[in-house]
Amino acid sequence: MAREVGPQRLRCEMQLSLKQTSTATLVALLLSLPVWSEQSAPSKPRRLVSLAPSVTETLFALGAGEQLVGICTFCDFPPEVERIDRIGSYVAPNVEAIIAKAPDVVIGVPPNSPEAVAALQRAGLRVVIVQVDTLEQIEAAMRTIAHEAGRDAQGEALLEALRQRMAAVRARLEGAPPRRVLMVVGQNPLIAVGSGIFLNELITQAHGLNIAADTHQQWPRLSLEVAVAKQPEVIIDGSMGSEETGEAQLLGVWQNFPELPAVRNGRLYGRRSYALLRPGPRVAEGFEELARLIQPERFY
């Protein structure tokens, strides 16, 4: 279901380029938001503006990349995005630049600015904001984006391919031992993946026991003492490393705890992977990547 939103409720979409975003900025984005609805979609919009990386990735996966006339600053995948004009940042879209593009529809996710959304609506533009916290919402968002692009059939095909790849990974994990997992996106403060978000769902499906899920928060701040006391067997630290540098910055603060099971057994990973962190068409790829970290012996 498509919903239009204001300030964010823990929905940084995980795809804000962490290499460009400080921990303080990330935390500022993980806040709550009101919701309002929108009119029905036009039949076949030709010109689209994307306000989020996952929306842009979904449109390209649908074969609708040529319909994009504007994307946000953080959109960096696939490489073809380089040809598309930028229309402001993820949280602060440039209203004038968007209006100048004369789009049929503007699509985003929280935390897109409610003021900018309202201004676009006053200008007569259709704005659709999709929720992407959970796997179910991600699927619904992809279906909505496909509909807005006039590509419903391609949307269903994309979803089916995603489900099949997810199922194939789950099949490899049958009977795998449960392992205590800590996944963090910041070290100072220590911000963990909690409950109620798709990353927690992926950890669970990979037979991981998320040690931060019992906080009942989406992005809890943990003390280092609490994290260590829970003795994680796998640590996936999204505040270290990157897709480019791999695990070059692996140890970080965890080097001070050599007896921690994850450190002792070589299951400490510095991983800032946007396939994993972005709630879009690469979620199945991200799931396999996560599963390989938690249950590596199932992928030999």
C-alpha atoms as a PDB file:
ATOM      1  CA  MET A   1       0.000   0.000   0.000  1.00  0.00           C
ATOM      2  CA  ALA A   2       1.332   3.437  -0.905  1.00  0.00           C
ATOM      3  CA  ARG A   3       1.294   6.067   1.796  1.00  0.00           C
ATOM      4  CA  GLU A   4       2.564   9.599   1.954  1.00  0.00           C
ATOM      5  CA  VAL A   5       4.646  10.447   4.888  1.00  0.00           C
ATOM      6  CA  GLY A   6       6.264  13.186   6.870  1.00  0.00           C
ATOM      7  CA  PRO A   7       9.176  12.989   9.349  1.00  0.00           C
ATOM      8  CA  GLN A   8      10.784   9.570   9.632  1.00  0.00           C
ATOM      9  CA  ARG A   9      10.096   6.738  12.117  1.00  0.00           C
ATOM     10  CA  LEU A  10      13.353   4.857  12.075  1.00  0.00           C
ATOM     11  CA  ARG A  11      13.193   4.653   8.323  1.00  0.00           C
ATOM     12  CA  CYS A  12      16.523   5.797   7.035  1.00  0.00           C
ATOM     13  CA  GLU A  13      15.871   3.061   4.485  1.00  0.00           C
ATOM     14  CA  MET A  14      19.348   1.820   5.408  1.00  0.00           C
ATOM     15  CA  GLN A  15      20.396   2.948   2.037  1.00  0.00           C
ATOM     16  CA  LEU A  16      21.596   6.455   2.879  1.00  0.00           C
ATOM     17  CA  SER A  17      25.222   6.065   1.831  1.00  0.00           C
ATOM     18  CA  LEU A  18      26.793   5.452   5.230  1.00  0.00           C
ATOM     19  CA  LYS A  19      30.112   6.472   3.782  1.00  0.00           C
ATOM     20  CA  GLN A  20      28.584   9.929   3.252  1.00  0.00           C
ATOM     21  CA  THR A  21      26.486   9.989   6.407  1.00  0.00           C
ATOM     22  CA  SER A  22      27.692  10.360  10.000  1.00  0.00           C
ATOM     23  CA  THR A  23      26.287   8.249  12.802  1.00  0.00           C
ATOM     24  CA  ALA A  24      24.614  11.371  14.176  1.00  0.00           C
ATOM     25  CA  THR A  25      22.870  11.950  10.856  1.00  0.00           C
ATOM     26  CA  LEU A  26      21.813   8.318  10.698  1.00  0.00           C
ATOM     27  CA  VAL A  27      20.306   8.524  14.180  1.00  0.00           C
ATOM     28  CA  ALA A  28      18.523  11.781  13.305  1.00  0.00           C
ATOM     29  CA  LEU A  29      16.837  10.000  10.426  1.00  0.00           C
ATOM     30  CA  LEU A  30      15.612   7.135  12.585  1.00  0.00           C
ATOM     31  CA  LEU A  31      12.620   9.045  13.966  1.00  0.00           C
ATOM     32  CA  SER A  32       8.809   8.836  13.680  1.00  0.00           C
ATOM     33  CA  LEU A  33       6.462  10.000  10.944  1.00  0.00           C
ATOM     34  CA  PRO A  34       2.785  10.831  10.315  1.00  0.00           C
ATOM     35  CA  VAL A  35       0.975   9.330   7.317  1.00  0.00           C
ATOM     36  CA  TRP A  36      -1.522  10.534   4.748  1.00  0.00           C
ATOM     37  CA  SER A  37      -2.942   9.046   1.540  1.00  0.00           C
ATOM     38  CA  GLU A  38      -2.927   9.957  -2.156  1.00  0.00           C
ATOM     39  CA  GLN A  39      -5.247   9.805  -5.158  1.00  0.00           C
ATOM     40  CA  SER A  40      -5.236   6.947  -7.672  1.00  0.00           C
ATOM     41  CA  ALA A  41      -2.349   6.549 -10.076  1.00  0.00           C
ATOM     42  CA  PRO A  42      -2.381   7.825 -13.639  1.00  0.00           C
ATOM     43  CA  SER A  43      -2.700   5.066 -16.216  1.00  0.00           C
ATOM     44  CA  LYS A  44       0.749   5.199 -17.857  1.00  0.00           C
ATOM     45  CA  PRO A  45       3.074   7.835 -16.461  1.00  0.00           C
ATOM     46  CA  ARG A  46       6.029   8.483 -18.710  1.00  0.00           C
ATOM     47  CA  ARG A  47       8.200  10.747 -16.544  1.00  0.00           C
ATOM     48  CA  LEU A  48       9.293   9.632 -13.078  1.00  0.00           C
ATOM     49  CA  VAL A  49      11.301  11.202 -10.255  1.00  0.00           C
ATOM     50  CA  SER A  50      12.821   9.004  -7.546  1.00  0.00           C
ATOM     51  CA  LEU A  51      13.544  10.364  -4.090  1.00  0.00           C
ATOM     52  CA  ALA A  52      15.337   7.256  -2.773  1.00  0.00           C
ATOM     53  CA  PRO A  53      18.021   4.773  -3.870  1.00  0.00           C
ATOM     54  CA  SER A  54      15.786   1.725  -3.397  1.00  0.00           C
ATOM     55  CA  VAL A  55      13.092   3.296  -5.582  1.00  0.00           C
ATOM     56  CA  THR A  56      15.633   4.012  -8.298  1.00  0.00           C
ATOM     57  CA  GLU A  57      16.987   0.460  -8.118  1.00  0.00           C
ATOM     58  CA  THR A  58      13.465  -0.948  -8.331  1.00  0.00           C
ATOM     59  CA  LEU A  59      12.622   1.132 -11.396  1.00  0.00           C
ATOM     60  CA  PHE A  60      15.756  -0.037 -13.191  1.00  0.00           C
ATOM     61  CA  ALA A  61      15.020  -3.646 -12.223  1.00  0.00           C
ATOM     62  CA  LEU A  62      11.589  -3.177 -13.800  1.00  0.00           C
ATOM     63  CA  GLY A  63      13.138  -1.895 -17.025  1.00  0.00           C
ATOM     64  CA  ALA A  64      11.819   1.604 -16.315  1.00  0.00           C
ATOM     65  CA  GLY A  65      15.152   3.367 -15.976  1.00  0.00           C
ATOM     66  CA  GLU A  66      14.542   5.353 -19.145  1.00  0.00           C
ATOM     67  CA  GLN A  67      11.447   6.866 -17.554  1.00  0.00           C
ATOM     68  CA  LEU A  68      13.488   8.484 -14.794  1.00  0.00           C
ATOM     69  CA  VAL A  69      14.046  12.212 -15.270  1.00  0.00           C
ATOM     70  CA  GLY A  70      15.401  12.904 -11.787  1.00  0.00           C
ATOM     71  CA  ILE A  71      16.954  11.019  -8.861  1.00  0.00           C
ATOM     72  CA  CYS A  72      18.254  11.904  -5.412  1.00  0.00           C
ATOM     73  CA  THR A  73      21.871  12.543  -4.482  1.00  0.00           C
ATOM     74  CA  PHE A  74      22.393   9.142  -2.888  1.00  0.00           C
ATOM     75  CA  CYS A  75      21.215   7.078  -5.860  1.00  0.00           C
ATOM     76  CA  ASP A  76      24.326   5.248  -7.079  1.00  0.00           C
ATOM     77  CA  PHE A  77      23.118   1.944  -8.530  1.00  0.00           C
ATOM     78  CA  PRO A  78      23.025   0.694 -11.228  1.00  0.00           C
ATOM     79  CA  PRO A  79      25.846   2.554 -13.034  1.00  0.00           C
ATOM     80  CA  GLU A  80      23.332   3.930 -15.552  1.00  0.00           C
ATOM     81  CA  VAL A  81      22.096   6.373 -12.915  1.00  0.00           C
ATOM     82  CA  GLU A  82      25.066   8.606 -13.677  1.00  0.00           C
ATOM     83  CA  ARG A  83      23.277   9.976 -16.741  1.00  0.00           C
ATOM     84  CA  ILE A  84      20.226  11.123 -14.740  1.00  0.00           C
ATOM     85  CA  ASP A  85      19.926  14.609 -13.252  1.00  0.00           C
ATOM     86  CA  ARG A  86      20.025  14.961  -9.454  1.00  0.00           C
ATOM     87  CA  ILE A  87      17.110  16.677  -7.749  1.00  0.00           C
ATOM     88  CA  GLY A  88      18.411  17.171  -4.216  1.00  0.00           C
ATOM     89  CA  SER A  89      19.196  15.014  -1.251  1.00  0.00           C
ATOM     90  CA  TYR A  90      17.331  12.120   0.263  1.00  0.00           C
ATOM     91  CA  VAL A  91      15.870  14.139   3.137  1.00  0.00           C
ATOM     92  CA  ALA A  92      15.723  17.514   1.416  1.00  0.00           C
ATOM     93  CA  PRO A  93      14.552  17.246  -2.206  1.00  0.00           C
ATOM     94  CA  ASN A  94      14.885  20.347  -4.369  1.00  0.00           C
ATOM     95  CA  VAL A  95      11.255  21.268  -5.007  1.00  0.00           C
ATOM     96  CA  GLU A  96      12.013  23.700  -7.817  1.00  0.00           C
ATOM     97  CA  ALA A  97      14.246  21.217  -9.628  1.00  0.00           C
ATOM     98  CA  ILE A  98      11.586  18.514  -9.384  1.00  0.00           C
ATOM     99  CA  ILE A  99       8.807  20.778 -10.657  1.00  0.00           C
ATOM    100  CA  ALA A 100      11.027  21.794 -13.562  1.00  0.00           C
ATOM    101  CA  LYS A 101      11.226  18.136 -14.613  1.00  0.00           C
ATOM    102  CA  ALA A 102       7.419  18.020 -15.004  1.00  0.00           C
ATOM    103  CA  PRO A 103       7.145  14.432 -13.753  1.00  0.00           C
ATOM    104  CA  ASP A 104       3.955  12.402 -13.894  1.00  0.00           C
ATOM    105  CA  VAL A 105       4.760  10.939 -10.482  1.00  0.00           C
ATOM    106  CA  VAL A 106       7.342  11.439  -7.737  1.00  0.00           C
ATOM    107  CA  ILE A 107       8.134   8.310  -5.700  1.00  0.00           C
ATOM    108  CA  GLY A 108       9.985   8.123  -2.398  1.00  0.00           C
ATOM    109  CA  VAL A 109      10.248   6.457   0.983  1.00  0.00           C
ATOM    110  CA  PRO A 110      10.479   7.927   4.480  1.00  0.00           C
ATOM    111  CA  PRO A 111      12.144  10.196   5.595  1.00  0.00           C
ATOM    112  CA  ASN A 112      11.434  12.401   2.585  1.00  0.00           C
ATOM    113  CA  SER A 113      10.661  15.934   3.791  1.00  0.00           C
ATOM    114  CA  PRO A 114       6.939  16.490   4.514  1.00  0.00           C
ATOM    115  CA  GLU A 115       7.369  20.163   3.631  1.00  0.00           C
ATOM    116  CA  ALA A 116       8.822  19.282   0.238  1.00  0.00           C
ATOM    117  CA  VAL A 117       6.095  16.702  -0.365  1.00  0.00           C
ATOM    118  CA  ALA A 118       3.402  19.251   0.494  1.00  0.00           C
ATOM    119  CA  ALA A 119       4.998  21.826  -1.812  1.00  0.00           C
ATOM    120  CA  LEU A 120       5.078  19.332  -4.670  1.00  0.00           C
ATOM    121  CA  GLN A 121       1.431  18.509  -4.103  1.00  0.00           C
ATOM    122  CA  ARG A 122       0.505  22.194  -4.082  1.00  0.00           C
ATOM    123  CA  ALA A 123       2.235  22.431  -7.442  1.00  0.00           C
ATOM    124  CA  GLY A 124      -0.133  19.751  -8.719  1.00  0.00           C
ATOM    125  CA  LEU A 125       2.321  16.859  -8.762  1.00  0.00           C
ATOM    126  CA  ARG A 126       1.441  13.337  -7.725  1.00  0.00           C
ATOM    127  CA  VAL A 127       3.674  12.127  -4.871  1.00  0.00           C
ATOM    128  CA  VAL A 128       3.702   8.557  -3.613  1.00  0.00           C
ATOM    129  CA  ILE A 129       5.665   7.470  -0.550  1.00  0.00           C
ATOM    130  CA  VAL A 130       6.023   3.737   0.073  1.00  0.00           C
ATOM    131  CA  GLN A 131       6.830   2.029   3.367  1.00  0.00           C
ATOM    132  CA  VAL A 132       9.843  -0.290   3.413  1.00  0.00           C
ATOM    133  CA  ASP A 133      10.401  -1.420   7.005  1.00  0.00           C
ATOM    134  CA  THR A 134       9.534  -5.109   6.607  1.00  0.00           C
ATOM    135  CA  LEU A 135       9.883  -7.716   3.865  1.00  0.00           C
ATOM    136  CA  GLU A 136       6.126  -7.621   3.345  1.00  0.00           C
ATOM    137  CA  GLN A 137       6.236  -3.834   2.946  1.00  0.00           C
ATOM    138  CA  ILE A 138       9.175  -4.086   0.558  1.00  0.00           C
ATOM    139  CA  GLU A 139       7.197  -6.431  -1.688  1.00  0.00           C
ATOM    140  CA  ALA A 140       4.166  -4.137  -1.528  1.00  0.00           C
ATOM    141  CA  ALA A 141       6.390  -1.141  -2.304  1.00  0.00           C
ATOM    142  CA  MET A 142       7.870  -2.854  -5.353  1.00  0.00           C
ATOM    143  CA  ARG A 143       4.386  -3.702  -6.592  1.00  0.00           C
ATOM    144  CA  THR A 144       3.266  -0.094  -6.075  1.00  0.00           C
ATOM    145  CA  ILE A 145       6.336   1.283  -7.856  1.00  0.00           C
ATOM    146  CA  ALA A 146       5.704  -1.068 -10.780  1.00  0.00           C
ATOM    147  CA  HIS A 147       2.099   0.122 -10.971  1.00  0.00           C
ATOM    148  CA  GLU A 148       3.130   3.772 -10.883  1.00  0.00           C
ATOM    149  CA  ALA A 149       5.555   3.103 -13.736  1.00  0.00           C
ATOM    150  CA  GLY A 150       2.873   1.345 -15.774  1.00  0.00           C
ATOM    151  CA  ARG A 151       4.737  -1.968 -15.466  1.00  0.00           C
ATOM    152  CA  ASP A 152       2.509  -4.221 -13.386  1.00  0.00           C
ATOM    153  CA  ALA A 153       3.453  -7.411 -15.238  1.00  0.00           C
ATOM    154  CA  GLN A 154       7.159  -6.694 -14.861  1.00  0.00           C
ATOM    155  CA  GLY A 155       6.547  -6.043 -11.179  1.00  0.00           C
ATOM    156  CA  GLU A 156       5.008  -9.442 -10.623  1.00  0.00           C
ATOM    157  CA  ALA A 157       7.839 -11.115 -12.542  1.00  0.00           C
ATOM    158  CA  LEU A 158      10.412  -9.260 -10.432  1.00  0.00           C
ATOM    159  CA  LEU A 159       8.688 -10.311  -7.213  1.00  0.00           C
ATOM    160  CA  GLU A 160       8.511 -13.931  -8.316  1.00  0.00           C
ATOM    161  CA  ALA A 161      12.223 -13.966  -9.138  1.00  0.00           C
ATOM    162  CA  LEU A 162      12.986 -12.424  -5.766  1.00  0.00           C
ATOM    163  CA  ARG A 163      10.880 -15.020  -3.938  1.00  0.00           C
ATOM    164  CA  GLN A 164      12.531 -17.882  -5.796  1.00  0.00           C
ATOM    165  CA  ARG A 165      16.027 -16.710  -4.929  1.00  0.00           C
ATOM    166  CA  MET A 166      15.038 -16.204  -1.287  1.00  0.00           C
ATOM    167  CA  ALA A 167      13.557 -19.701  -1.203  1.00  0.00           C
ATOM    168  CA  ALA A 168      16.735 -21.179  -2.700  1.00  0.00           C
ATOM    169  CA  VAL A 169      18.819 -19.610   0.064  1.00  0.00           C
ATOM    170  CA  ARG A 170      16.425 -20.805   2.758  1.00  0.00           C
ATOM    171  CA  ALA A 171      16.631 -24.321   1.336  1.00  0.00           C
ATOM    172  CA  ARG A 172      20.420 -24.339   1.758  1.00  0.00           C
ATOM    173  CA  LEU A 173      19.975 -23.311   5.379  1.00  0.00           C
ATOM    174  CA  GLU A 174      17.635 -26.113   6.413  1.00  0.00           C
ATOM    175  CA  GLY A 175      18.870 -27.665   9.637  1.00  0.00           C
ATOM    176  CA  ALA A 176      21.589 -25.037  10.129  1.00  0.00           C
ATOM    177  CA  PRO A 177      22.485 -24.368  13.771  1.00  0.00           C
ATOM    178  CA  PRO A 178      21.124 -21.202  15.378  1.00  0.00           C
ATOM    179  CA  ARG A 179      23.814 -18.602  16.054  1.00  0.00           C
ATOM    180  CA  ARG A 180      23.705 -15.469  18.174  1.00  0.00           C
ATOM    181  CA  VAL A 181      24.105 -12.477  15.871  1.00  0.00           C
ATOM    182  CA  LEU A 182      24.867  -8.832  16.510  1.00  0.00           C
ATOM    183  CA  MET A 183      24.458  -6.528  13.511  1.00  0.00           C
ATOM    184  CA  VAL A 184      25.377  -2.894  14.021  1.00  0.00           C
ATOM    185  CA  VAL A 185      25.362   0.194  11.821  1.00  0.00           C
ATOM    186  CA  GLY A 186      27.305   2.518  14.126  1.00  0.00           C
ATOM    187  CA  GLN A 187      29.952   2.184  16.838  1.00  0.00           C
ATOM    188  CA  ASN A 188      29.818   5.545  18.583  1.00  0.00           C
ATOM    189  CA  PRO A 189      27.150   5.201  19.826  1.00  0.00           C
ATOM    190  CA  LEU A 190      26.661   1.480  19.231  1.00  0.00           C
ATOM    191  CA  ILE A 191      23.500   1.292  17.098  1.00  0.00           C
ATOM    192  CA  ALA A 192      22.202  -2.192  16.438  1.00  0.00           C
ATOM    193  CA  VAL A 193      19.639  -3.778  14.164  1.00  0.00           C
ATOM    194  CA  GLY A 194      16.666  -4.458  16.414  1.00  0.00           C
ATOM    195  CA  SER A 195      13.191  -5.861  15.811  1.00  0.00           C
ATOM    196  CA  GLY A 196      10.401  -4.874  13.444  1.00  0.00           C
ATOM    197  CA  ILE A 197      12.614  -4.326  10.400  1.00  0.00           C
ATOM    198  CA  PHE A 198      13.531  -6.430   7.403  1.00  0.00           C
ATOM    199  CA  LEU A 199      17.143  -6.900   8.494  1.00  0.00           C
ATOM    200  CA  ASN A 200      15.953  -8.668  11.633  1.00  0.00           C
ATOM    201  CA  GLU A 201      13.714 -10.854   9.469  1.00  0.00           C
ATOM    202  CA  LEU A 202      16.683 -11.759   7.271  1.00  0.00           C
ATOM    203  CA  ILE A 203      18.819 -12.609  10.301  1.00  0.00           C
ATOM    204  CA  THR A 204      16.063 -14.894  11.594  1.00  0.00           C
ATOM    205  CA  GLN A 205      15.602 -16.589   8.208  1.00  0.00           C
ATOM    206  CA  ALA A 206      19.360 -17.223   8.162  1.00  0.00           C
ATOM    207  CA  HIS A 207      18.960 -19.118  11.468  1.00  0.00           C
ATOM    208  CA  GLY A 208      20.425 -16.218  13.414  1.00  0.00           C
ATOM    209  CA  LEU A 209      19.310 -15.186  16.895  1.00  0.00           C
ATOM    210  CA  ASN A 210      19.403 -11.393  16.885  1.00  0.00           C
ATOM    211  CA  ILE A 211      20.726 -10.447  20.324  1.00  0.00           C
ATOM    212  CA  ALA A 212      19.256  -6.930  20.025  1.00  0.00           C
ATOM    213  CA  ALA A 213      15.733  -8.023  19.091  1.00  0.00           C
ATOM    214  CA  ASP A 214      14.623  -8.231  22.717  1.00  0.00           C
ATOM    215  CA  THR A 215      14.943  -4.457  23.028  1.00  0.00           C
ATOM    216  CA  HIS A 216      11.717  -4.202  20.993  1.00  0.00           C
ATOM    217  CA  GLN A 217      13.184  -1.215  19.173  1.00  0.00           C
ATOM    218  CA  GLN A 218      14.053  -0.977  15.519  1.00  0.00           C
ATOM    219  CA  TRP A 219      17.428   0.691  15.999  1.00  0.00           C
ATOM    220  CA  PRO A 220      18.407   0.324  19.680  1.00  0.00           C
ATOM    221  CA  ARG A 221      21.475   1.903  21.182  1.00  0.00           C
ATOM    222  CA  LEU A 222      23.410  -0.733  23.088  1.00  0.00           C
ATOM    223  CA  SER A 223      26.169  -0.301  25.591  1.00  0.00           C
ATOM    224  CA  LEU A 224      29.320  -2.171  24.658  1.00  0.00           C
ATOM    225  CA  GLU A 225      29.061  -4.010  27.959  1.00  0.00           C
ATOM    226  CA  VAL A 226      25.591  -5.349  27.099  1.00  0.00           C
ATOM    227  CA  ALA A 227      26.684  -6.361  23.597  1.00  0.00           C
ATOM    228  CA  VAL A 228      29.690  -8.245  24.952  1.00  0.00           C
ATOM    229  CA  ALA A 229      27.690  -9.851  27.769  1.00  0.00           C
ATOM    230  CA  LYS A 230      25.348 -11.425  25.212  1.00  0.00           C
ATOM    231  CA  GLN A 231      28.334 -13.220  23.665  1.00  0.00           C
ATOM    232  CA  PRO A 232      27.477 -12.892  19.947  1.00  0.00           C
ATOM    233  CA  GLU A 233      28.794 -15.713  17.804  1.00  0.00           C
ATOM    234  CA  VAL A 234      28.602 -13.551  14.671  1.00  0.00           C
ATOM    235  CA  ILE A 235      29.174  -9.796  14.483  1.00  0.00           C
ATOM    236  CA  ILE A 236      28.306  -7.929  11.291  1.00  0.00           C
ATOM    237  CA  ASP A 237      29.506  -4.373  11.696  1.00  0.00           C
ATOM    238  CA  GLY A 238      28.079  -1.999   9.097  1.00  0.00           C
ATOM    239  CA  SER A 239      30.079   0.894  10.517  1.00  0.00           C
ATOM    240  CA  MET A 240      33.274  -0.697   9.191  1.00  0.00           C
ATOM    241  CA  GLY A 241      34.426  -1.694   5.763  1.00  0.00           C
ATOM    242  CA  SER A 242      32.561  -1.189   2.536  1.00  0.00           C
ATOM    243  CA  GLU A 243      31.806  -2.927  -0.721  1.00  0.00           C
ATOM    244  CA  GLU A 244      35.015  -1.367  -2.009  1.00  0.00           C
ATOM    245  CA  THR A 245      37.396  -2.083   0.880  1.00  0.00           C
ATOM    246  CA  GLY A 246      35.927  -5.369   2.060  1.00  0.00           C
ATOM    247  CA  GLU A 247      37.203  -6.148   5.532  1.00  0.00           C
ATOM    248  CA  ALA A 248      40.253  -3.891   5.597  1.00  0.00           C
ATOM    249  CA  GLN A 249      38.873  -2.063   8.639  1.00  0.00           C
ATOM    250  CA  LEU A 250      37.654  -5.256  10.248  1.00  0.00           C
ATOM    251  CA  LEU A 251      38.686  -5.135  13.890  1.00  0.00           C
ATOM    252  CA  GLY A 252      37.574  -1.719  15.105  1.00  0.00           C
ATOM    253  CA  VAL A 253      36.430  -1.684  18.732  1.00  0.00           C
ATOM    254  CA  TRP A 254      35.993  -5.474  18.754  1.00  0.00           C
ATOM    255  CA  GLN A 255      39.747  -6.099  18.854  1.00  0.00           C
ATOM    256  CA  ASN A 256      39.563  -5.331  22.570  1.00  0.00           C
ATOM    257  CA  PHE A 257      37.535  -8.520  23.123  1.00  0.00           C
ATOM    258  CA  PRO A 258      39.584 -11.411  21.702  1.00  0.00           C
ATOM    259  CA  GLU A 259      37.645 -13.988  23.745  1.00  0.00           C
ATOM    260  CA  LEU A 260      34.287 -12.945  22.273  1.00  0.00           C
ATOM    261  CA  PRO A 261      32.990 -15.980  20.330  1.00  0.00           C
ATOM    262  CA  ALA A 262      32.608 -13.997  17.094  1.00  0.00           C
ATOM    263  CA  VAL A 263      36.181 -12.705  17.325  1.00  0.00           C
ATOM    264  CA  ARG A 264      37.720 -15.947  18.560  1.00  0.00           C
ATOM    265  CA  ASN A 265      36.096 -18.018  15.815  1.00  0.00           C
ATOM    266  CA  GLY A 266      36.692 -15.606  12.952  1.00  0.00           C
ATOM    267  CA  ARG A 267      33.079 -14.549  12.500  1.00  0.00           C
ATOM    268  CA  LEU A 268      33.617 -10.804  12.775  1.00  0.00           C
ATOM    269  CA  TYR A 269      32.737  -9.049   9.536  1.00  0.00           C
ATOM    270  CA  GLY A 270      33.074  -5.429   8.521  1.00  0.00           C
ATOM    271  CA  ARG A 271      30.259  -5.158   6.014  1.00  0.00           C
ATOM    272  CA  ARG A 272      28.689  -2.038   4.571  1.00  0.00           C
ATOM    273  CA  SER A 273      26.843  -3.635   1.696  1.00  0.00           C
ATOM    274  CA  TYR A 274      24.088  -1.652   0.024  1.00  0.00           C
ATOM    275  CA  ALA A 275      22.632  -4.822  -1.456  1.00  0.00           C
ATOM    276  CA  LEU A 276      21.990  -5.856   2.138  1.00  0.00           C
ATOM    277  CA  LEU A 277      21.056  -2.480   3.609  1.00  0.00           C
ATOM    278  CA  ARG A 278      18.729  -1.176   0.914  1.00  0.00           C
ATOM    279  CA  PRO A 279      15.117  -2.387   0.942  1.00  0.00           C
ATOM    280  CA  GLY A 280      14.694  -2.933  -2.774  1.00  0.00           C
ATOM    281  CA  PRO A 281      15.140  -5.477  -5.573  1.00  0.00           C
ATOM    282  CA  ARG A 282      18.560  -6.589  -4.295  1.00  0.00           C
ATOM    283  CA  VAL A 283      17.135  -7.813  -0.977  1.00  0.00           C
ATOM    284  CA  ALA A 284      17.485 -11.456  -2.060  1.00  0.00           C
ATOM    285  CA  GLU A 285      21.125 -10.829  -2.955  1.00  0.00           C
ATOM    286  CA  GLY A 286      21.561  -9.204   0.447  1.00  0.00           C
ATOM    287  CA  PHE A 287      19.894 -12.167   2.142  1.00  0.00           C
ATOM    288  CA  GLU A 288      22.324 -14.594   0.547  1.00  0.00           C
ATOM    289  CA  GLU A 289      25.232 -12.390   1.559  1.00  0.00           C
ATOM    290  CA  LEU A 290      23.975 -12.306   5.155  1.00  0.00           C
ATOM    291  CA  ALA A 291      23.358 -16.067   5.175  1.00  0.00           C
ATOM    292  CA  ARG A 292      26.920 -16.678   3.987  1.00  0.00           C
ATOM    293  CA  LEU A 293      28.217 -14.692   6.957  1.00  0.00           C
ATOM    294  CA  ILE A 294      26.042 -16.436   9.548  1.00  0.00           C
ATOM    295  CA  GLN A 295      26.178 -19.958   8.068  1.00  0.00           C
ATOM    296  CA  PRO A 296      29.281 -20.008   5.846  1.00  0.00           C
ATOM    297  CA  GLU A 297      29.597 -23.803   5.896  1.00  0.00           C
ATOM    298  CA  ARG A 298      26.312 -24.055   3.968  1.00  0.00           C
ATOM    299  CA  PHE A 299      27.878 -22.331   0.960  1.00  0.00           C
ATOM    300  CA  TYR A 300      31.132 -24.260   0.500  1.00  0.00           C
END
